[in-house]
Amino acid sequence: MSFLPGFILRKISPSGFTLVEVLVATAIISIVGTAIISTVSAFLRVSQVAQDTIRAQNLANEKMEILKNMPYDSLATVNGPIYPPGALLDTETVTSGGHTYVAHTFVSFVDDPFDGNALGTIVGKPVDFYPFDYKKATIEIRNSEDERVLVKITTSISANAAETSDDTGILFLQVFDSDGVGVPNANIHLTNTNPNPDVDITTITDTNGLLQIPLLPEDTTNGYHLEVTFSGFSTDQTYPDNIPNYDPVQPDFNILAQQVTNVTLFIDQLSTLNINAVDETGTDVSGLDVTVSGDKLTYEPSDPLSTDPPVHKYSQAFTTNSSGNISIANIDWDSYAFTASSGYFVISTTPYQTVSVPAGSTTNVTLKVTTDASWPAINQVTPTSGINNGVVTIEVLGVNLPVGSTMRLTKSGETAIDATGVVSSDSDTRLSGSFDLNGVTAGTWNLVVTGAGGKSTTQTGGFTIAAP
């Protein structure tokens, strides 16, 4: 009997396969089966997504065909940027092939630059008083959770007749942030209950923060009201003239026939303001009522000689916790002033009042208070910086700054600098003196004002010395 090299002949058991062979075969079948099942499953998922997309595409096409066959004047949604509003739903839940989808319909006017624009800013083109050349219709189909866009189609639809003159006007809105940059996709709500039907338009700004709404009915009673919002941002609006003896700073407005009305509103990211209240010794003050008021106003007295206070956009009272702290979230970018409850007097704030709170920031403020009405207070300092190559005169505005008061600059590890020629004026509310800064270490220094009886108020980090 001959044998092939490298092979060993084994007699196969007449009873069948061995246990090892069965296990190996089972493992191979399992691996192959799993791969096949995974492939089939992936194919089914891809197929389902494709079917979803096809159904959504068909649904979008059907809805778009409906829009194309509508009368041009009726081509408007219930809350879109076209007046008068139409019967088209802005958002609706629809079913196709046994599957549920969310359909969004957007219809807006388009101002073709060929014949100029409403502002007359296109070189070589005239002012276009009828900036509604045609309409742009967009259908967007999303999944049933209204999260994922499956299909989005857009088309332009024009009227059979050319533009014609009428008794309507145009609103041109600009929405800027605190740096004067346009805010795209800001939510706009325009209302007016005087026309019939009511003006009630909900829309968004374009990529430059601009919005143009034509064909608005004339109103000379300041009946148009605007509100602008955006998630995570402050809000802005126009205000009705409905408070006796007060005028709105940004009033509701008119729309005049064949004219453009310009409105500018400002919004930006919300901020956080943290306040720590301490007494003249630096000890936390708990249970202190503090009123926080912003510089932005909504109404001012009609009579400029009136002693009535203006109406602040933001003015609220808070109470410090056991650690003397107040934390205010979601606050507008603005400059804020602070007043303490009766029996307490603010002697300094760090930073100086009014405290600037930039958009999207967290700003920390230390508020020093006292129950001693005679304690010197620092409200304002001019200037707040100087160069270390000469003499600078500093003026302090506050209260309880009598003749004999002193001023000093201090910094850890440095020799204190005393002011010379200190003069008190304006009924002890103004103090001035000169500091010799030649060769002084650059950096942030504390300003210490000492009044009668040795009572001192420190403006921490109140003066900055810089090198030339």
Protein backbone atom coordinates (compact mmCIF):
# COMPACT_ATOMS: atom_id res chain seq x y z
CA MET A 1 0.00 0.00 0.00
CA SER A 2 1.39 3.42 -0.88
CA PHE A 3 0.82 6.71 0.91
CA LEU A 4 0.97 10.30 -0.29
CA PRO A 5 3.76 12.32 1.36
CA GLY A 6 2.61 14.50 4.29
CA PHE A 7 -0.79 12.82 4.64
CA ILE A 8 -1.94 10.37 7.26
CA LEU A 9 -4.84 8.13 6.42
CA ARG A 10 -7.53 7.85 9.05
CA LYS A 11 -10.30 5.37 9.08
CA ILE A 12 -13.69 7.03 9.24
CA SER A 13 -15.87 5.73 11.97
CA PRO A 14 -18.83 3.89 10.58
CA SER A 15 -20.99 5.55 13.21
CA GLY A 16 -20.62 9.09 11.66
CA PHE A 17 -18.69 12.29 12.49
CA THR A 18 -16.69 12.82 15.65
CA LEU A 19 -17.76 15.37 18.30
CA VAL A 20 -14.92 17.71 17.33
CA GLU A 21 -16.01 17.65 13.71
CA VAL A 22 -19.59 18.40 14.68
CA LEU A 23 -18.51 21.39 16.85
CA VAL A 24 -16.26 22.79 14.11
CA ALA A 25 -18.99 22.42 11.51
CA THR A 26 -21.51 24.09 13.85
CA ALA A 27 -19.17 27.01 14.48
CA ILE A 28 -18.59 27.50 10.77
CA ILE A 29 -22.31 27.41 10.06
CA SER A 30 -22.95 29.92 12.92
CA ILE A 31 -20.34 32.36 11.61
CA VAL A 32 -21.61 32.13 8.07
CA GLY A 33 -25.22 32.39 9.25
CA THR A 34 -24.51 35.46 11.38
CA ALA A 35 -22.80 37.16 8.47
CA ILE A 36 -25.71 36.39 6.21
CA ILE A 37 -28.25 37.66 8.78
CA SER A 38 -26.24 40.87 9.33
CA THR A 39 -26.05 41.45 5.60
CA VAL A 40 -29.76 40.87 5.18
CA SER A 41 -30.52 43.14 8.16
CA ALA A 42 -28.31 45.92 6.76
CA PHE A 43 -29.93 45.52 3.37
CA LEU A 44 -33.38 45.78 4.95
CA ARG A 45 -32.37 48.95 6.82
CA VAL A 46 -31.00 50.52 3.64
CA SER A 47 -34.12 49.44 1.82
CA GLN A 48 -36.33 50.96 4.52
CA VAL A 49 -34.44 54.29 4.37
CA ALA A 50 -34.70 54.27 0.60
CA GLN A 51 -38.42 53.55 0.77
CA ASP A 52 -38.83 56.33 3.36
CA THR A 53 -37.04 58.75 1.05
CA ILE A 54 -39.07 57.70 -1.96
CA ARG A 55 -42.35 58.10 -0.08
CA ALA A 56 -41.21 61.49 1.23
CA GLN A 57 -40.17 62.59 -2.26
CA ASN A 58 -43.52 61.57 -3.68
CA LEU A 59 -45.32 63.34 -0.86
CA ALA A 60 -43.29 66.53 -1.40
CA ASN A 61 -43.95 66.43 -5.15
CA GLU A 62 -47.68 65.99 -4.56
CA LYS A 63 -47.83 68.95 -2.19
CA MET A 64 -45.75 71.08 -4.53
CA GLU A 65 -48.09 70.32 -7.44
CA ILE A 66 -50.99 71.48 -5.28
CA LEU A 67 -49.18 74.78 -4.65
CA LYS A 68 -48.42 75.26 -8.34
CA ASN A 69 -52.08 74.88 -9.23
CA MET A 70 -53.38 77.28 -6.58
CA PRO A 71 -54.44 80.85 -7.38
CA TYR A 72 -51.36 83.06 -6.96
CA ASP A 73 -53.01 85.35 -4.39
CA SER A 74 -53.98 82.34 -2.27
CA LEU A 75 -50.43 81.01 -2.19
CA ALA A 76 -49.64 81.81 1.48
CA THR A 77 -49.47 79.93 4.77
CA VAL A 78 -51.43 80.67 7.91
CA ASN A 79 -48.48 82.17 9.84
CA GLY A 80 -45.93 82.87 7.11
CA PRO A 81 -44.45 86.23 6.00
CA ILE A 82 -47.22 87.04 3.49
CA TYR A 83 -50.26 89.22 4.16
CA PRO A 84 -53.11 88.48 3.91
CA PRO A 85 -52.48 84.98 5.25
CA GLY A 86 -53.58 81.94 3.32
CA ALA A 87 -55.14 78.63 4.30
CA LEU A 88 -51.98 76.54 3.85
CA LEU A 89 -50.78 74.95 7.08
CA ASP A 90 -47.20 75.83 8.03
CA THR A 91 -46.76 72.40 9.68
CA GLU A 92 -48.91 69.30 9.39
CA THR A 93 -48.72 65.58 10.08
CA VAL A 94 -49.38 63.47 6.98
CA THR A 95 -49.55 59.76 6.20
CA SER A 96 -48.21 58.05 3.08
CA GLY A 97 -48.04 54.31 2.48
CA GLY A 98 -49.02 53.64 6.07
CA HIS A 99 -46.13 55.76 7.38
CA THR A 100 -46.38 59.09 9.22
CA TYR A 101 -44.36 62.19 8.28
CA VAL A 102 -44.26 65.87 9.22
CA ALA A 103 -44.58 68.32 6.33
CA HIS A 104 -43.41 71.94 6.57
CA THR A 105 -44.55 74.49 3.99
CA PHE A 106 -42.74 77.81 3.51
CA VAL A 107 -43.96 80.50 1.11
CA SER A 108 -42.32 83.93 0.84
CA PHE A 109 -41.97 86.80 -1.58
CA VAL A 110 -38.75 87.22 -3.56
CA ASP A 111 -37.39 90.62 -4.54
CA ASP A 112 -35.50 90.08 -7.79
CA PRO A 113 -32.51 92.48 -7.94
CA PHE A 114 -33.08 92.97 -11.67
CA ASP A 115 -35.40 95.92 -11.02
CA GLY A 116 -33.67 97.23 -7.87
CA ASN A 117 -34.65 96.76 -4.25
CA ALA A 118 -36.79 98.53 -1.68
CA LEU A 119 -33.81 100.34 -0.10
CA GLY A 120 -32.34 101.51 -3.39
CA THR A 121 -28.92 100.11 -2.48
CA ILE A 122 -28.20 98.32 -5.79
CA VAL A 123 -25.86 100.47 -7.86
CA GLY A 124 -27.41 101.49 -11.15
CA LYS A 125 -30.88 100.30 -10.16
CA PRO A 126 -33.88 102.35 -9.01
CA VAL A 127 -35.77 102.06 -5.73
CA ASP A 128 -38.21 99.17 -6.14
CA PHE A 129 -41.44 100.08 -4.36
CA TYR A 130 -42.97 96.73 -5.28
CA PRO A 131 -40.41 94.18 -4.05
CA PHE A 132 -42.67 91.16 -4.48
CA ASP A 133 -41.61 90.00 -7.93
CA TYR A 134 -42.57 86.37 -7.35
CA LYS A 135 -43.01 83.79 -4.61
CA LYS A 136 -40.67 81.04 -3.47
CA ALA A 137 -42.35 77.87 -2.20
CA THR A 138 -40.49 75.24 -0.18
CA ILE A 139 -41.78 71.84 0.94
CA GLU A 140 -39.80 70.04 3.63
CA ILE A 141 -40.70 66.50 4.68
CA ARG A 142 -39.32 65.20 7.98
CA ASN A 143 -39.61 61.92 9.83
CA SER A 144 -42.45 61.32 12.29
CA GLU A 145 -40.40 62.80 15.16
CA ASP A 146 -39.88 66.02 13.14
CA GLU A 147 -36.13 65.66 13.60
CA ARG A 148 -34.59 64.39 10.36
CA VAL A 149 -35.14 66.06 6.99
CA LEU A 150 -35.89 63.40 4.38
CA VAL A 151 -36.67 65.64 1.39
CA LYS A 152 -36.61 69.39 0.72
CA ILE A 153 -37.73 70.86 -2.60
CA THR A 154 -38.08 74.50 -3.68
CA THR A 155 -39.58 76.25 -6.66
CA SER A 156 -40.42 79.80 -7.77
CA ILE A 157 -43.99 80.74 -8.72
CA SER A 158 -44.89 83.97 -10.48
CA ALA A 159 -48.19 85.72 -11.01
CA ASN A 160 -49.85 85.99 -14.40
CA ALA A 161 -49.90 89.79 -14.19
CA ALA A 162 -47.09 92.27 -13.59
CA GLU A 163 -46.63 94.25 -10.38
CA THR A 164 -49.31 96.86 -9.81
CA SER A 165 -49.61 99.83 -7.48
CA ASP A 166 -51.82 99.54 -4.39
CA ASP A 167 -52.37 101.05 -0.95
CA THR A 168 -49.92 98.81 0.91
CA GLY A 169 -46.46 99.40 2.36
CA ILE A 170 -43.28 97.49 3.10
CA LEU A 171 -41.57 96.54 6.36
CA PHE A 172 -37.78 96.21 6.27
CA LEU A 173 -36.46 94.67 9.52
CA GLN A 174 -32.86 94.31 10.64
CA VAL A 175 -31.95 92.08 13.61
CA PHE A 176 -28.41 92.62 14.94
CA ASP A 177 -26.39 91.23 17.85
CA SER A 178 -24.44 93.37 20.35
CA ASP A 179 -21.56 93.71 17.84
CA GLY A 180 -23.84 94.90 15.05
CA VAL A 181 -23.70 91.56 13.20
CA GLY A 182 -26.91 90.26 11.64
CA VAL A 183 -28.61 87.34 13.43
CA PRO A 184 -29.77 84.69 10.95
CA ASN A 185 -32.90 82.60 11.56
CA ALA A 186 -34.15 84.87 14.34
CA ASN A 187 -37.84 84.24 15.07
CA ILE A 188 -40.06 87.16 14.06
CA HIS A 189 -43.65 87.75 15.11
CA LEU A 190 -45.47 90.68 13.47
CA THR A 191 -49.01 91.54 14.59
CA ASN A 192 -51.64 94.20 14.04
CA THR A 193 -55.31 93.82 15.01
CA ASN A 194 -56.50 96.90 13.10
CA PRO A 195 -56.69 95.50 9.53
CA ASN A 196 -59.22 92.89 8.47
CA PRO A 197 -58.06 90.16 8.59
CA ASP A 198 -55.59 90.69 11.41
CA VAL A 199 -51.91 90.79 10.57
CA ASP A 200 -50.33 87.82 12.38
CA ILE A 201 -47.09 86.76 10.70
CA THR A 202 -44.53 84.35 12.13
CA THR A 203 -41.30 83.97 10.16
CA ILE A 204 -37.48 84.17 10.43
CA THR A 205 -34.69 86.47 9.25
CA ASP A 206 -32.41 85.56 6.37
CA THR A 207 -28.70 84.67 6.62
CA ASN A 208 -27.84 88.36 7.10
CA GLY A 209 -30.41 88.98 9.83
CA LEU A 210 -32.72 90.84 7.43
CA LEU A 211 -36.41 90.47 6.67
CA GLN A 212 -38.61 92.22 4.13
CA ILE A 213 -42.40 91.92 4.27
CA PRO A 214 -44.32 93.70 1.48
CA LEU A 215 -48.05 94.18 0.85
CA LEU A 216 -48.82 95.18 4.44
CA PRO A 217 -52.02 97.22 4.79
CA GLU A 218 -51.59 100.88 5.65
CA ASP A 219 -51.97 101.82 9.33
CA THR A 220 -51.30 105.31 10.70
CA THR A 221 -52.22 104.50 14.32
CA ASN A 222 -48.93 102.80 15.26
CA GLY A 223 -50.72 99.47 15.30
CA TYR A 224 -47.87 97.27 14.08
CA HIS A 225 -46.06 95.33 16.83
CA LEU A 226 -42.85 93.31 16.43
CA GLU A 227 -41.20 90.73 18.67
CA VAL A 228 -37.92 88.94 17.96
CA THR A 229 -36.67 85.84 19.80
CA PHE A 230 -34.01 83.17 19.36
CA SER A 231 -33.15 80.17 21.54
CA GLY A 232 -30.52 81.09 24.15
CA PHE A 233 -30.72 84.80 23.21
CA SER A 234 -32.26 87.86 24.77
CA THR A 235 -35.47 89.25 23.30
CA ASP A 236 -36.34 92.59 21.76
CA GLN A 237 -39.57 94.19 20.62
CA THR A 238 -41.47 97.35 19.87
CA TYR A 239 -43.77 98.71 22.58
CA PRO A 240 -47.30 100.14 22.50
CA ASP A 241 -47.91 103.73 23.57
CA ASN A 242 -50.27 102.76 26.40
CA ILE A 243 -48.72 104.16 29.61
CA PRO A 244 -49.98 107.64 30.58
CA ASN A 245 -47.25 110.32 30.66
CA TYR A 246 -44.67 107.91 29.23
CA ASP A 247 -43.32 107.38 25.71
CA PRO A 248 -42.00 104.02 24.47
CA VAL A 249 -38.30 104.06 23.56
CA GLN A 250 -38.93 101.70 20.62
CA PRO A 251 -42.59 102.35 19.76
CA ASP A 252 -44.98 100.23 17.74
CA PHE A 253 -45.01 101.67 14.24
CA ASN A 254 -46.97 102.68 11.16
CA ILE A 255 -46.98 101.22 7.67
CA LEU A 256 -47.60 103.90 5.06
CA ALA A 257 -48.83 103.35 1.52
CA GLN A 258 -46.05 102.92 -1.05
CA GLN A 259 -43.35 103.55 1.57
CA VAL A 260 -40.71 101.47 3.33
CA THR A 261 -40.74 101.37 7.15
CA ASN A 262 -37.35 100.49 8.66
CA VAL A 263 -37.11 98.83 12.09
CA THR A 264 -33.93 97.63 13.81
CA LEU A 265 -33.95 95.31 16.83
CA PHE A 266 -31.07 93.81 18.85
CA ILE A 267 -30.67 90.40 20.50
CA ASP A 268 -27.69 88.38 21.67
CA GLN A 269 -26.65 85.45 23.84
CA LEU A 270 -27.89 85.46 27.44
CA SER A 271 -25.40 85.87 30.29
CA THR A 272 -24.92 85.07 33.98
CA LEU A 273 -24.33 87.65 36.72
CA ASN A 274 -22.89 86.57 40.09
CA ILE A 275 -22.97 89.02 43.01
CA ASN A 276 -21.13 88.70 46.33
CA ALA A 277 -22.18 91.20 49.03
CA VAL A 278 -19.66 92.02 51.78
CA ASP A 279 -19.49 94.65 54.49
CA GLU A 280 -16.72 97.22 54.98
CA THR A 281 -14.54 94.55 56.65
CA GLY A 282 -14.98 92.05 53.81
CA THR A 283 -17.41 89.79 55.69
CA ASP A 284 -20.23 88.19 53.68
CA VAL A 285 -23.64 89.81 54.19
CA SER A 286 -26.54 87.35 54.09
CA GLY A 287 -30.23 88.22 53.76
CA LEU A 288 -29.47 91.48 51.99
CA ASP A 289 -32.07 92.72 49.49
CA VAL A 290 -30.37 93.98 46.33
CA THR A 291 -32.13 95.59 43.36
CA VAL A 292 -30.43 95.03 40.01
CA SER A 293 -31.34 97.45 37.20
CA GLY A 294 -30.10 97.53 33.62
CA ASP A 295 -29.41 100.60 31.50
CA LYS A 296 -31.80 99.54 28.73
CA LEU A 297 -35.13 101.37 28.93
CA THR A 298 -38.56 100.55 27.55
CA TYR A 299 -40.39 103.77 28.49
CA GLU A 300 -39.31 107.31 29.38
CA PRO A 301 -41.37 110.18 30.85
CA SER A 302 -43.07 112.23 28.15
CA ASP A 303 -42.03 115.44 29.92
CA PRO A 304 -38.23 115.73 29.91
CA LEU A 305 -38.46 117.83 33.10
CA SER A 306 -40.48 115.17 34.90
CA THR A 307 -39.02 113.58 38.02
CA ASP A 308 -40.79 110.29 37.28
CA PRO A 309 -38.31 107.43 36.88
CA PRO A 310 -37.91 105.69 33.50
CA VAL A 311 -39.05 102.10 33.03
CA HIS A 312 -36.10 99.72 32.81
CA LYS A 313 -36.21 96.65 30.61
CA TYR A 314 -34.68 94.76 33.54
CA SER A 315 -35.13 95.70 37.19
CA GLN A 316 -35.55 92.99 39.82
CA ALA A 317 -34.93 92.52 43.54
CA PHE A 318 -32.96 89.59 44.96
CA THR A 319 -31.84 88.45 48.42
CA THR A 320 -28.33 87.22 49.20
CA ASN A 321 -27.98 83.65 50.50
CA SER A 322 -26.10 82.56 53.63
CA SER A 323 -22.79 83.17 51.82
CA GLY A 324 -23.80 86.64 50.69
CA ASN A 325 -24.25 85.50 47.09
CA ILE A 326 -26.80 86.09 44.34
CA SER A 327 -26.62 84.27 41.00
CA ILE A 328 -28.74 85.57 38.11
CA ALA A 329 -28.92 83.38 35.00
CA ASN A 330 -30.30 84.24 31.55
CA ILE A 331 -29.73 87.96 31.84
CA ASP A 332 -29.47 90.41 28.92
CA TRP A 333 -26.18 91.88 27.84
CA ASP A 334 -26.34 95.35 29.40
CA SER A 335 -24.77 97.61 32.05
CA TYR A 336 -26.20 97.11 35.54
CA ALA A 337 -26.50 99.22 38.68
CA PHE A 338 -27.09 97.92 42.22
CA THR A 339 -28.93 99.38 45.20
CA ALA A 340 -29.19 97.85 48.66
CA SER A 341 -32.24 97.59 50.91
CA SER A 342 -33.14 100.29 53.40
CA GLY A 343 -30.58 100.67 56.15
CA TYR A 344 -27.68 99.64 53.92
CA PHE A 345 -25.45 101.84 51.77
CA VAL A 346 -23.34 100.73 48.81
CA ILE A 347 -19.80 102.04 49.29
CA SER A 348 -18.16 100.38 46.26
CA THR A 349 -18.61 97.80 43.55
CA THR A 350 -15.95 95.80 41.75
CA PRO A 351 -16.06 96.40 38.80
CA TYR A 352 -17.28 99.97 39.04
CA GLN A 353 -20.96 100.71 38.58
CA THR A 354 -22.51 100.51 36.13
CA VAL A 355 -21.15 97.01 35.58
CA SER A 356 -20.92 95.92 31.96
CA VAL A 357 -22.16 92.37 31.29
CA PRO A 358 -21.11 91.24 27.79
CA ALA A 359 -23.23 88.82 25.76
CA GLY A 360 -22.66 85.14 26.51
CA SER A 361 -20.50 85.91 29.56
CA THR A 362 -20.31 85.12 33.26
CA THR A 363 -19.61 88.34 35.19
CA ASN A 364 -18.68 88.43 38.89
CA VAL A 365 -19.40 91.49 41.00
CA THR A 366 -18.33 92.30 44.56
CA LEU A 367 -20.78 94.64 46.28
CA LYS A 368 -19.50 96.39 49.42
CA VAL A 369 -22.17 97.72 51.77
CA THR A 370 -22.35 99.31 55.18
CA THR A 371 -24.97 100.33 57.72
CA ASP A 372 -22.95 103.46 58.59
CA ALA A 373 -24.42 106.39 56.66
CA SER A 374 -21.22 108.42 57.17
CA TRP A 375 -18.91 105.86 55.52
CA PRO A 376 -17.04 107.12 52.42
CA ALA A 377 -18.41 105.70 49.16
CA ILE A 378 -16.71 105.35 45.76
CA ASN A 379 -19.14 105.55 42.85
CA GLN A 380 -16.89 106.50 39.96
CA VAL A 381 -13.17 107.07 39.30
CA THR A 382 -11.64 109.03 36.41
CA PRO A 383 -9.28 107.95 34.94
CA THR A 384 -8.98 104.29 35.91
CA SER A 385 -5.47 103.84 34.46
CA GLY A 386 -2.15 105.65 34.05
CA ILE A 387 1.39 105.27 32.65
CA ASN A 388 4.36 104.73 34.98
CA ASN A 389 6.39 107.60 33.52
CA GLY A 390 4.68 110.63 35.05
CA VAL A 391 2.09 112.11 37.37
CA VAL A 392 -1.63 111.41 37.00
CA THR A 393 -4.55 113.22 38.67
CA ILE A 394 -7.41 110.99 39.77
CA GLU A 395 -10.92 112.21 40.54
CA VAL A 396 -13.28 110.18 42.74
CA LEU A 397 -17.04 110.72 42.73
CA GLY A 398 -19.05 109.44 45.69
CA VAL A 399 -20.32 110.60 49.07
CA ASN A 400 -18.79 111.38 52.47
CA LEU A 401 -15.53 112.66 50.95
CA PRO A 402 -14.83 115.68 53.19
CA VAL A 403 -11.82 117.95 53.47
CA GLY A 404 -8.99 115.98 55.06
CA SER A 405 -9.78 112.77 53.16
CA THR A 406 -6.85 110.86 51.67
CA MET A 407 -6.29 108.65 48.62
CA ARG A 408 -3.77 105.83 48.31
CA LEU A 409 -2.82 103.16 45.73
CA THR A 410 -1.82 99.77 47.15
CA LYS A 411 -0.55 96.51 45.68
CA SER A 412 0.63 93.38 47.43
CA GLY A 413 4.43 93.40 47.75
CA GLU A 414 4.73 97.04 46.64
CA THR A 415 5.18 100.31 48.51
CA ALA A 416 1.92 102.25 48.77
CA ILE A 417 1.56 105.45 46.73
CA ASP A 418 -0.11 108.39 48.50
CA ALA A 419 -1.87 111.14 46.57
CA THR A 420 -0.74 114.74 46.99
CA GLY A 421 -2.79 117.89 46.72
CA VAL A 422 -6.01 116.14 47.68
CA VAL A 423 -9.01 118.47 47.34
CA SER A 424 -12.65 117.89 48.38
CA SER A 425 -15.46 119.70 46.52
CA ASP A 426 -19.15 119.66 45.57
CA SER A 427 -20.46 119.16 49.09
CA ASP A 428 -18.07 116.29 49.86
CA THR A 429 -19.07 114.29 46.76
CA ARG A 430 -15.89 114.86 44.74
CA LEU A 431 -12.26 114.15 45.68
CA SER A 432 -9.20 114.74 43.50
CA GLY A 433 -5.49 114.18 44.00
CA SER A 434 -2.26 113.51 42.11
CA PHE A 435 -0.18 110.30 42.08
CA ASP A 436 3.48 110.13 41.07
CA LEU A 437 3.70 106.94 39.00
CA ASN A 438 7.31 107.34 37.81
CA GLY A 439 9.03 103.95 37.98
CA VAL A 440 6.08 102.28 39.70
CA THR A 441 5.47 98.58 39.01
CA ALA A 442 2.91 98.04 36.27
CA GLY A 443 -0.23 96.07 37.07
CA THR A 444 -3.55 96.33 38.85
CA TRP A 445 -3.59 98.38 42.05
CA ASN A 446 -6.23 98.97 44.73
CA LEU A 447 -7.57 102.47 45.38
CA VAL A 448 -8.10 103.26 49.06
CA VAL A 449 -10.11 106.34 50.09
CA THR A 450 -10.08 107.31 53.76
CA GLY A 451 -12.60 109.80 55.07
CA ALA A 452 -13.50 111.26 58.44
CA GLY A 453 -12.66 109.23 61.52
CA GLY A 454 -10.28 106.96 59.63
CA LYS A 455 -13.11 105.14 57.81
CA SER A 456 -11.68 103.58 54.63
CA THR A 457 -13.21 102.15 51.48
CA THR A 458 -11.08 100.01 49.15
CA GLN A 459 -11.84 99.76 45.46
CA THR A 460 -10.21 96.41 44.74
CA GLY A 461 -8.36 96.49 41.42
CA GLY A 462 -9.65 100.01 40.93
CA PHE A 463 -6.62 101.41 39.07
CA THR A 464 -4.31 99.99 36.42
CA ILE A 465 -0.71 101.15 35.92
CA ALA A 466 0.86 100.36 32.57
CA ALA A 467 4.32 100.71 31.05
CA PRO A 468 4.76 103.22 28.20
